[in-house]
Amino acid sequence: MDASISALCGSLSEVLTHADDSSRALSDALSRRAIPLESATNAFLQGLDRRVEAAGADLARLESMAFGTVSVEELLGHFREVHNIVSRHADAIESRLVFFGYVAPGESHPACTHPLQTWGTLMSPGMGSWEGQARSSGLPGSTSTTTMNCILPLLRY
């Protein structure tokens, strides 16, 4: 009987300790000062405002480049500048992908020795389907697959 009373006292002690810890944690949580919602909202809106201002400046620059141009030549110059920037980035990405086994589309396929000659032959007037053009090209090993492997990289540009 003493053993069961001791076990009951031990269990009650654990329950009361847990209740005491939980009530203390609740009391601490309620006594803490709350974060004002206004300051969090203001910080978010200020960050959003900074992004809008930056985007507005970029948009104003684009607008001046596109609509504030004096002539078509100037507009083409802007497009050429953008094209050069994009080309540099694309070249950098392709050179990085080479390390992962990527073969750039501009490189010659092993079965194709003269891709420009193949391109000119295939695009001559009066030719029928791609397959017929490939067979009539007269290049060594000219099958539709070989010719297409040579031509497809050129179609990218």
N, C-alpha and C. Protein backbone atom coordinates (compact mmCIF):
# COMPACT_ATOMS: atom_id res chain seq x y z
N MET A 1 0.81 -1.17 0.00
CA MET A 1 0.00 0.00 0.00
C MET A 1 0.86 1.25 0.00
N ASP A 2 1.92 1.23 0.79
CA ASP A 2 2.83 2.38 0.82
C ASP A 2 3.46 2.62 -0.55
N ALA A 3 3.72 1.56 -1.28
CA ALA A 3 4.34 1.69 -2.61
C ALA A 3 3.38 2.37 -3.57
N SER A 4 2.07 2.01 -3.51
CA SER A 4 1.12 2.65 -4.42
C SER A 4 0.90 4.11 -4.06
N ILE A 5 0.92 4.44 -2.75
CA ILE A 5 0.76 5.84 -2.36
C ILE A 5 1.98 6.64 -2.81
N SER A 6 3.16 6.07 -2.70
CA SER A 6 4.39 6.74 -3.16
C SER A 6 4.36 6.96 -4.66
N ALA A 7 3.88 5.95 -5.41
CA ALA A 7 3.79 6.08 -6.86
C ALA A 7 2.79 7.18 -7.22
N LEU A 8 1.66 7.22 -6.49
CA LEU A 8 0.66 8.26 -6.74
C LEU A 8 1.22 9.64 -6.45
N CYS A 9 1.96 9.76 -5.35
CA CYS A 9 2.56 11.05 -5.00
C CYS A 9 3.59 11.47 -6.04
N GLY A 10 4.37 10.53 -6.54
CA GLY A 10 5.36 10.84 -7.58
C GLY A 10 4.69 11.31 -8.86
N SER A 11 3.61 10.62 -9.25
CA SER A 11 2.88 11.00 -10.46
C SER A 11 2.25 12.37 -10.31
N LEU A 12 1.63 12.62 -9.14
CA LEU A 12 1.02 13.93 -8.90
C LEU A 12 2.08 15.03 -8.89
N SER A 13 3.23 14.73 -8.34
CA SER A 13 4.32 15.70 -8.31
C SER A 13 4.75 16.08 -9.73
N GLU A 14 4.85 15.07 -10.62
CA GLU A 14 5.23 15.34 -12.02
C GLU A 14 4.17 16.18 -12.72
N VAL A 15 2.89 15.86 -12.48
CA VAL A 15 1.80 16.60 -13.11
C VAL A 15 1.80 18.04 -12.62
N LEU A 16 1.98 18.23 -11.32
CA LEU A 16 1.98 19.58 -10.76
C LEU A 16 3.20 20.38 -11.23
N THR A 17 4.34 19.74 -11.36
CA THR A 17 5.54 20.41 -11.87
C THR A 17 5.32 20.86 -13.31
N HIS A 18 4.73 19.99 -14.11
CA HIS A 18 4.44 20.34 -15.50
C HIS A 18 3.44 21.49 -15.58
N ALA A 19 2.40 21.45 -14.73
CA ALA A 19 1.40 22.52 -14.71
C ALA A 19 2.03 23.83 -14.27
N ASP A 20 2.94 23.77 -13.29
CA ASP A 20 3.63 24.97 -12.81
C ASP A 20 4.51 25.56 -13.92
N ASP A 21 5.26 24.71 -14.61
CA ASP A 21 6.12 25.18 -15.71
C ASP A 21 5.29 25.80 -16.84
N SER A 22 4.19 25.16 -17.18
CA SER A 22 3.33 25.67 -18.25
C SER A 22 2.70 27.00 -17.87
N SER A 23 2.24 27.13 -16.63
CA SER A 23 1.62 28.39 -16.20
C SER A 23 2.67 29.50 -16.12
N ARG A 24 3.89 29.18 -15.72
CA ARG A 24 4.96 30.17 -15.68
C ARG A 24 5.31 30.64 -17.10
N ALA A 25 5.37 29.71 -18.06
CA ALA A 25 5.66 30.07 -19.46
C ALA A 25 4.54 30.94 -20.03
N LEU A 26 3.30 30.61 -19.70
CA LEU A 26 2.17 31.42 -20.17
C LEU A 26 2.22 32.81 -19.56
N SER A 27 2.53 32.89 -18.29
CA SER A 27 2.63 34.19 -17.61
C SER A 27 3.74 35.03 -18.23
N ASP A 28 4.89 34.42 -18.52
CA ASP A 28 6.00 35.15 -19.17
C ASP A 28 5.60 35.64 -20.56
N ALA A 29 4.91 34.81 -21.31
CA ALA A 29 4.49 35.19 -22.66
C ALA A 29 3.51 36.35 -22.62
N LEU A 30 2.61 36.36 -21.64
CA LEU A 30 1.63 37.43 -21.54
C LEU A 30 2.25 38.72 -21.03
N SER A 31 3.28 38.62 -20.20
CA SER A 31 3.89 39.83 -19.64
C SER A 31 4.88 40.48 -20.61
N ARG A 32 5.35 39.76 -21.63
CA ARG A 32 6.25 40.35 -22.62
C ARG A 32 5.55 41.42 -23.42
N ARG A 33 6.32 42.42 -23.81
CA ARG A 33 5.76 43.48 -24.64
C ARG A 33 5.58 42.97 -26.06
N ALA A 34 4.44 43.19 -26.62
CA ALA A 34 4.15 42.71 -27.97
C ALA A 34 4.85 43.59 -29.01
N ILE A 35 5.21 42.97 -30.12
CA ILE A 35 5.80 43.72 -31.22
C ILE A 35 4.68 44.50 -31.89
N PRO A 36 4.84 45.80 -31.98
CA PRO A 36 3.76 46.57 -32.60
C PRO A 36 3.62 46.21 -34.08
N LEU A 37 2.41 45.95 -34.48
CA LEU A 37 2.14 45.56 -35.85
C LEU A 37 2.44 46.70 -36.82
N GLU A 38 2.27 47.92 -36.34
CA GLU A 38 2.52 49.07 -37.20
C GLU A 38 3.97 49.15 -37.64
N SER A 39 4.91 48.87 -36.73
CA SER A 39 6.32 48.99 -37.10
C SER A 39 6.70 47.92 -38.12
N ALA A 40 6.17 46.72 -37.98
CA ALA A 40 6.47 45.68 -38.97
C ALA A 40 5.86 46.04 -40.32
N THR A 41 4.66 46.58 -40.30
CA THR A 41 4.00 47.00 -41.54
C THR A 41 4.76 48.15 -42.18
N ASN A 42 5.18 49.10 -41.37
CA ASN A 42 5.93 50.24 -41.91
C ASN A 42 7.26 49.79 -42.52
N ALA A 43 7.94 48.86 -41.86
CA ALA A 43 9.21 48.36 -42.40
C ALA A 43 8.99 47.66 -43.73
N PHE A 44 7.93 46.87 -43.82
CA PHE A 44 7.63 46.19 -45.08
C PHE A 44 7.31 47.19 -46.18
N LEU A 45 6.49 48.19 -45.85
CA LEU A 45 6.11 49.19 -46.85
C LEU A 45 7.31 50.03 -47.29
N GLN A 46 8.22 50.33 -46.36
CA GLN A 46 9.41 51.08 -46.74
C GLN A 46 10.29 50.27 -47.68
N GLY A 47 10.45 48.98 -47.39
CA GLY A 47 11.22 48.12 -48.30
C GLY A 47 10.57 48.03 -49.67
N LEU A 48 9.26 47.92 -49.68
CA LEU A 48 8.52 47.87 -50.94
C LEU A 48 8.66 49.19 -51.70
N ASP A 49 8.63 50.29 -50.99
CA ASP A 49 8.79 51.61 -51.61
C ASP A 49 10.17 51.75 -52.24
N ARG A 50 11.21 51.25 -51.56
CA ARG A 50 12.56 51.31 -52.14
C ARG A 50 12.63 50.51 -53.43
N ARG A 51 12.00 49.34 -53.45
CA ARG A 51 12.00 48.53 -54.67
C ARG A 51 11.25 49.23 -55.80
N VAL A 52 10.14 49.87 -55.48
CA VAL A 52 9.37 50.58 -56.50
C VAL A 52 10.18 51.75 -57.05
N GLU A 53 10.89 52.47 -56.19
CA GLU A 53 11.72 53.58 -56.66
C GLU A 53 12.82 53.09 -57.59
N ALA A 54 13.46 51.97 -57.23
CA ALA A 54 14.51 51.42 -58.08
C ALA A 54 13.94 50.97 -59.42
N ALA A 55 12.79 50.32 -59.39
CA ALA A 55 12.16 49.89 -60.64
C ALA A 55 11.71 51.10 -61.45
N GLY A 56 11.26 52.15 -60.78
CA GLY A 56 10.86 53.37 -61.48
C GLY A 56 12.02 54.02 -62.19
N ALA A 57 13.19 54.02 -61.55
CA ALA A 57 14.38 54.59 -62.19
C ALA A 57 14.77 53.78 -63.42
N ASP A 58 14.72 52.45 -63.30
CA ASP A 58 15.03 51.60 -64.46
C ASP A 58 14.02 51.81 -65.58
N LEU A 59 12.77 51.94 -65.22
CA LEU A 59 11.72 52.16 -66.21
C LEU A 59 11.90 53.51 -66.90
N ALA A 60 12.27 54.53 -66.14
CA ALA A 60 12.51 55.85 -66.74
C ALA A 60 13.68 55.79 -67.72
N ARG A 61 14.72 55.04 -67.37
CA ARG A 61 15.87 54.89 -68.27
C ARG A 61 15.45 54.18 -69.56
N LEU A 62 14.69 53.10 -69.41
CA LEU A 62 14.21 52.39 -70.60
C LEU A 62 13.31 53.27 -71.46
N GLU A 63 12.47 54.05 -70.80
CA GLU A 63 11.58 54.94 -71.55
C GLU A 63 12.37 55.98 -72.31
N SER A 64 13.40 56.54 -71.67
CA SER A 64 14.21 57.54 -72.37
C SER A 64 14.98 56.92 -73.52
N MET A 65 15.40 55.65 -73.36
CA MET A 65 16.11 54.98 -74.44
C MET A 65 15.17 54.67 -75.61
N ALA A 66 13.95 54.28 -75.30
CA ALA A 66 13.03 53.85 -76.35
C ALA A 66 12.27 55.01 -76.97
N PHE A 67 11.73 55.90 -76.14
CA PHE A 67 10.85 56.94 -76.66
C PHE A 67 11.53 58.30 -76.76
N GLY A 68 12.64 58.47 -76.06
CA GLY A 68 13.32 59.76 -76.11
C GLY A 68 14.41 59.80 -77.16
N THR A 69 14.44 58.82 -78.04
CA THR A 69 15.48 58.78 -79.07
C THR A 69 15.19 59.79 -80.15
N VAL A 70 16.26 60.25 -80.75
CA VAL A 70 16.15 61.25 -81.80
C VAL A 70 15.89 60.59 -83.14
N SER A 71 16.50 59.43 -83.35
CA SER A 71 16.38 58.80 -84.66
C SER A 71 16.31 57.28 -84.51
N VAL A 72 16.00 56.64 -85.62
CA VAL A 72 15.96 55.18 -85.64
C VAL A 72 17.36 54.62 -85.43
N GLU A 73 18.37 55.31 -85.95
CA GLU A 73 19.75 54.84 -85.79
C GLU A 73 20.14 54.80 -84.32
N GLU A 74 19.72 55.82 -83.57
CA GLU A 74 20.03 55.85 -82.15
C GLU A 74 19.33 54.70 -81.43
N LEU A 75 18.08 54.45 -81.80
CA LEU A 75 17.34 53.34 -81.21
C LEU A 75 18.01 52.02 -81.54
N LEU A 76 18.45 51.86 -82.78
CA LEU A 76 19.17 50.64 -83.16
C LEU A 76 20.48 50.51 -82.39
N GLY A 77 21.13 51.62 -82.12
CA GLY A 77 22.35 51.59 -81.31
C GLY A 77 22.07 51.07 -79.91
N HIS A 78 20.94 51.49 -79.34
CA HIS A 78 20.57 50.99 -78.01
C HIS A 78 20.29 49.49 -78.07
N PHE A 79 19.58 49.06 -79.11
CA PHE A 79 19.31 47.63 -79.25
C PHE A 79 20.59 46.84 -79.43
N ARG A 80 21.53 47.39 -80.19
CA ARG A 80 22.81 46.72 -80.40
C ARG A 80 23.56 46.58 -79.08
N GLU A 81 23.50 47.64 -78.26
CA GLU A 81 24.15 47.60 -76.96
C GLU A 81 23.54 46.52 -76.07
N VAL A 82 22.23 46.45 -76.05
CA VAL A 82 21.54 45.42 -75.26
C VAL A 82 21.88 44.04 -75.80
N HIS A 83 21.90 43.89 -77.12
CA HIS A 83 22.24 42.61 -77.73
C HIS A 83 23.66 42.18 -77.35
N ASN A 84 24.60 43.11 -77.35
CA ASN A 84 25.98 42.78 -76.97
C ASN A 84 26.06 42.33 -75.52
N ILE A 85 25.32 42.99 -74.65
CA ILE A 85 25.32 42.60 -73.24
C ILE A 85 24.75 41.20 -73.08
N VAL A 86 23.62 40.94 -73.73
CA VAL A 86 23.00 39.62 -73.64
C VAL A 86 23.92 38.56 -74.24
N SER A 87 24.59 38.87 -75.33
CA SER A 87 25.51 37.91 -75.95
C SER A 87 26.66 37.58 -75.03
N ARG A 88 27.20 38.60 -74.35
CA ARG A 88 28.30 38.35 -73.41
C ARG A 88 27.85 37.43 -72.28
N HIS A 89 26.64 37.68 -71.76
CA HIS A 89 26.13 36.83 -70.69
C HIS A 89 25.89 35.40 -71.20
N ALA A 90 25.35 35.26 -72.39
CA ALA A 90 25.11 33.93 -72.96
C ALA A 90 26.43 33.20 -73.18
N ASP A 91 27.45 33.91 -73.66
CA ASP A 91 28.76 33.28 -73.86
C ASP A 91 29.36 32.84 -72.53
N ALA A 92 29.19 33.66 -71.50
CA ALA A 92 29.71 33.29 -70.18
C ALA A 92 29.01 32.05 -69.65
N ILE A 93 27.71 31.97 -69.84
CA ILE A 93 26.95 30.80 -69.38
C ILE A 93 27.38 29.56 -70.16
N GLU A 94 27.52 29.69 -71.49
CA GLU A 94 27.94 28.54 -72.30
C GLU A 94 29.33 28.07 -71.90
N SER A 95 30.26 29.02 -71.65
CA SER A 95 31.61 28.61 -71.28
C SER A 95 31.61 27.92 -69.92
N ARG A 96 30.72 28.31 -69.04
CA ARG A 96 30.62 27.63 -67.73
C ARG A 96 30.02 26.24 -67.89
N LEU A 97 29.05 26.09 -68.80
CA LEU A 97 28.39 24.80 -68.99
C LEU A 97 29.29 23.78 -69.68
N VAL A 98 30.36 24.24 -70.34
CA VAL A 98 31.30 23.32 -70.99
C VAL A 98 31.90 22.38 -69.95
N PHE A 99 32.12 22.88 -68.74
CA PHE A 99 32.68 22.04 -67.68
C PHE A 99 31.75 20.89 -67.30
N PHE A 100 30.48 21.01 -67.63
CA PHE A 100 29.50 19.98 -67.31
C PHE A 100 29.17 19.12 -68.52
N GLY A 101 29.95 19.25 -69.60
CA GLY A 101 29.76 18.40 -70.77
C GLY A 101 28.89 19.00 -71.85
N TYR A 102 28.59 20.27 -71.75
CA TYR A 102 27.73 20.93 -72.74
C TYR A 102 28.53 21.21 -74.01
N VAL A 103 27.94 20.92 -75.17
CA VAL A 103 28.56 21.24 -76.45
C VAL A 103 27.79 22.41 -77.04
N ALA A 104 28.48 23.51 -77.25
CA ALA A 104 27.83 24.72 -77.76
C ALA A 104 27.27 24.47 -79.15
N PRO A 105 26.09 24.99 -79.46
CA PRO A 105 25.46 24.75 -80.75
C PRO A 105 26.25 25.31 -81.92
N GLY A 106 27.08 26.30 -81.72
CA GLY A 106 27.85 26.88 -82.81
C GLY A 106 29.03 26.03 -83.23
N GLU A 107 29.41 25.06 -82.40
CA GLU A 107 30.55 24.22 -82.74
C GLU A 107 30.17 23.22 -83.81
N SER A 108 31.14 22.85 -84.62
CA SER A 108 30.89 21.94 -85.73
C SER A 108 30.68 20.52 -85.23
N HIS A 109 29.72 19.86 -85.81
CA HIS A 109 29.46 18.46 -85.50
C HIS A 109 30.55 17.64 -86.18
N PRO A 110 31.04 16.54 -85.57
CA PRO A 110 32.13 15.76 -86.17
C PRO A 110 31.81 15.27 -87.59
N ALA A 111 30.55 14.97 -87.89
CA ALA A 111 30.21 14.45 -89.22
C ALA A 111 30.03 15.57 -90.24
N CYS A 112 30.09 16.81 -89.82
CA CYS A 112 29.83 17.94 -90.71
C CYS A 112 31.09 18.77 -90.84
N THR A 113 31.66 18.82 -92.03
CA THR A 113 32.91 19.55 -92.19
C THR A 113 32.68 20.99 -92.62
N HIS A 114 31.62 21.26 -93.38
CA HIS A 114 31.36 22.61 -93.85
C HIS A 114 29.89 22.96 -93.62
N PRO A 115 29.55 23.40 -92.40
CA PRO A 115 28.14 23.66 -92.12
C PRO A 115 27.56 24.77 -93.00
N LEU A 116 28.35 25.78 -93.35
CA LEU A 116 27.81 26.86 -94.18
C LEU A 116 27.55 26.38 -95.60
N GLN A 117 28.44 25.51 -96.09
CA GLN A 117 28.22 24.95 -97.43
C GLN A 117 26.96 24.10 -97.42
N THR A 118 26.78 23.30 -96.37
CA THR A 118 25.59 22.47 -96.25
C THR A 118 24.35 23.36 -96.16
N TRP A 119 24.45 24.43 -95.40
CA TRP A 119 23.32 25.35 -95.24
C TRP A 119 22.94 25.95 -96.59
N GLY A 120 23.93 26.43 -97.34
CA GLY A 120 23.65 27.03 -98.65
C GLY A 120 23.05 26.03 -99.61
N THR A 121 23.54 24.80 -99.61
CA THR A 121 23.02 23.77 -100.50
C THR A 121 21.58 23.43 -100.14
N LEU A 122 21.31 23.33 -98.85
CA LEU A 122 19.97 22.93 -98.42
C LEU A 122 18.94 24.02 -98.65
N MET A 123 19.38 25.25 -98.66
CA MET A 123 18.42 26.34 -98.80
C MET A 123 18.31 26.84 -100.24
N SER A 124 18.90 26.09 -101.19
CA SER A 124 18.81 26.54 -102.58
C SER A 124 17.38 26.38 -103.07
N PRO A 125 16.94 27.27 -103.98
CA PRO A 125 15.55 27.22 -104.44
C PRO A 125 15.26 25.96 -105.23
N GLY A 126 14.01 25.55 -105.20
CA GLY A 126 13.57 24.39 -105.97
C GLY A 126 13.73 23.08 -105.25
N MET A 127 14.24 23.09 -104.03
CA MET A 127 14.40 21.85 -103.29
C MET A 127 13.09 21.51 -102.60
N GLY A 128 12.88 20.23 -102.37
CA GLY A 128 11.64 19.78 -101.75
C GLY A 128 11.76 19.73 -100.25
N SER A 129 11.53 18.54 -99.70
CA SER A 129 11.55 18.37 -98.25
C SER A 129 12.98 18.42 -97.73
N TRP A 130 13.12 18.49 -96.41
CA TRP A 130 14.45 18.48 -95.79
C TRP A 130 15.19 17.21 -96.18
N GLU A 131 14.49 16.09 -96.16
CA GLU A 131 15.14 14.82 -96.47
C GLU A 131 15.64 14.81 -97.90
N GLY A 132 14.81 15.29 -98.84
CA GLY A 132 15.22 15.34 -100.24
C GLY A 132 16.38 16.30 -100.43
N GLN A 133 16.38 17.39 -99.70
CA GLN A 133 17.48 18.34 -99.80
C GLN A 133 18.76 17.72 -99.28
N ALA A 134 18.66 16.95 -98.20
CA ALA A 134 19.85 16.33 -97.63
C ALA A 134 20.43 15.30 -98.58
N ARG A 135 19.57 14.51 -99.20
CA ARG A 135 20.06 13.47 -100.10
C ARG A 135 20.67 14.06 -101.36
N SER A 136 20.15 15.19 -101.81
CA SER A 136 20.64 15.77 -103.06
C SER A 136 21.81 16.71 -102.84
N SER A 137 22.26 16.89 -101.60
CA SER A 137 23.33 17.85 -101.35
C SER A 137 24.66 17.38 -101.90
N GLY A 138 24.88 16.07 -102.00
CA GLY A 138 26.11 15.55 -102.58
C GLY A 138 27.29 15.59 -101.63
N LEU A 139 27.10 15.93 -100.39
CA LEU A 139 28.20 15.94 -99.44
C LEU A 139 28.47 14.52 -98.96
N PRO A 140 29.72 14.21 -98.62
CA PRO A 140 30.02 12.86 -98.13
C PRO A 140 29.23 12.58 -96.85
N GLY A 141 28.63 11.41 -96.81
CA GLY A 141 27.86 11.01 -95.63
C GLY A 141 26.60 11.84 -95.46
N SER A 142 26.06 12.36 -96.55
CA SER A 142 24.91 13.26 -96.40
C SER A 142 23.62 12.45 -96.31
N THR A 143 23.24 12.23 -95.10
CA THR A 143 21.92 11.66 -94.83
C THR A 143 21.14 12.74 -94.11
N SER A 144 19.87 12.54 -93.96
CA SER A 144 19.07 13.59 -93.33
C SER A 144 19.53 13.85 -91.90
N THR A 145 19.95 12.80 -91.17
CA THR A 145 20.38 12.99 -89.79
C THR A 145 21.67 13.79 -89.74
N THR A 146 22.64 13.42 -90.58
CA THR A 146 23.92 14.13 -90.58
C THR A 146 23.72 15.59 -90.95
N THR A 147 22.95 15.83 -91.97
CA THR A 147 22.73 17.20 -92.42
C THR A 147 21.99 18.00 -91.37
N MET A 148 21.01 17.41 -90.75
CA MET A 148 20.26 18.13 -89.72
C MET A 148 21.15 18.45 -88.53
N ASN A 149 22.08 17.53 -88.18
CA ASN A 149 22.99 17.80 -87.08
C ASN A 149 23.88 18.99 -87.41
N CYS A 150 24.17 19.21 -88.68
CA CYS A 150 25.00 20.33 -89.09
C CYS A 150 24.20 21.62 -89.16
N ILE A 151 22.94 21.52 -89.52
CA ILE A 151 22.14 22.72 -89.76
C ILE A 151 21.49 23.26 -88.50
N LEU A 152 21.03 22.40 -87.63
CA LEU A 152 20.28 22.86 -86.47
C LEU A 152 21.05 23.87 -85.62
N PRO A 153 22.36 23.71 -85.40
CA PRO A 153 23.06 24.76 -84.64
C PRO A 153 23.02 26.11 -85.35
N LEU A 154 22.97 26.13 -86.67
CA LEU A 154 22.94 27.40 -87.39
C LEU A 154 21.58 28.08 -87.29
N LEU A 155 20.53 27.30 -87.10
CA LEU A 155 19.19 27.88 -87.01
C LEU A 155 19.01 28.67 -85.73
N ARG A 156 19.87 28.45 -84.75
CA ARG A 156 19.78 29.15 -83.47
C ARG A 156 19.96 30.65 -83.67
N TYR A 157 20.79 31.02 -84.59
CA TYR A 157 21.09 32.43 -84.80
C TYR A 157 20.16 32.98 -85.83
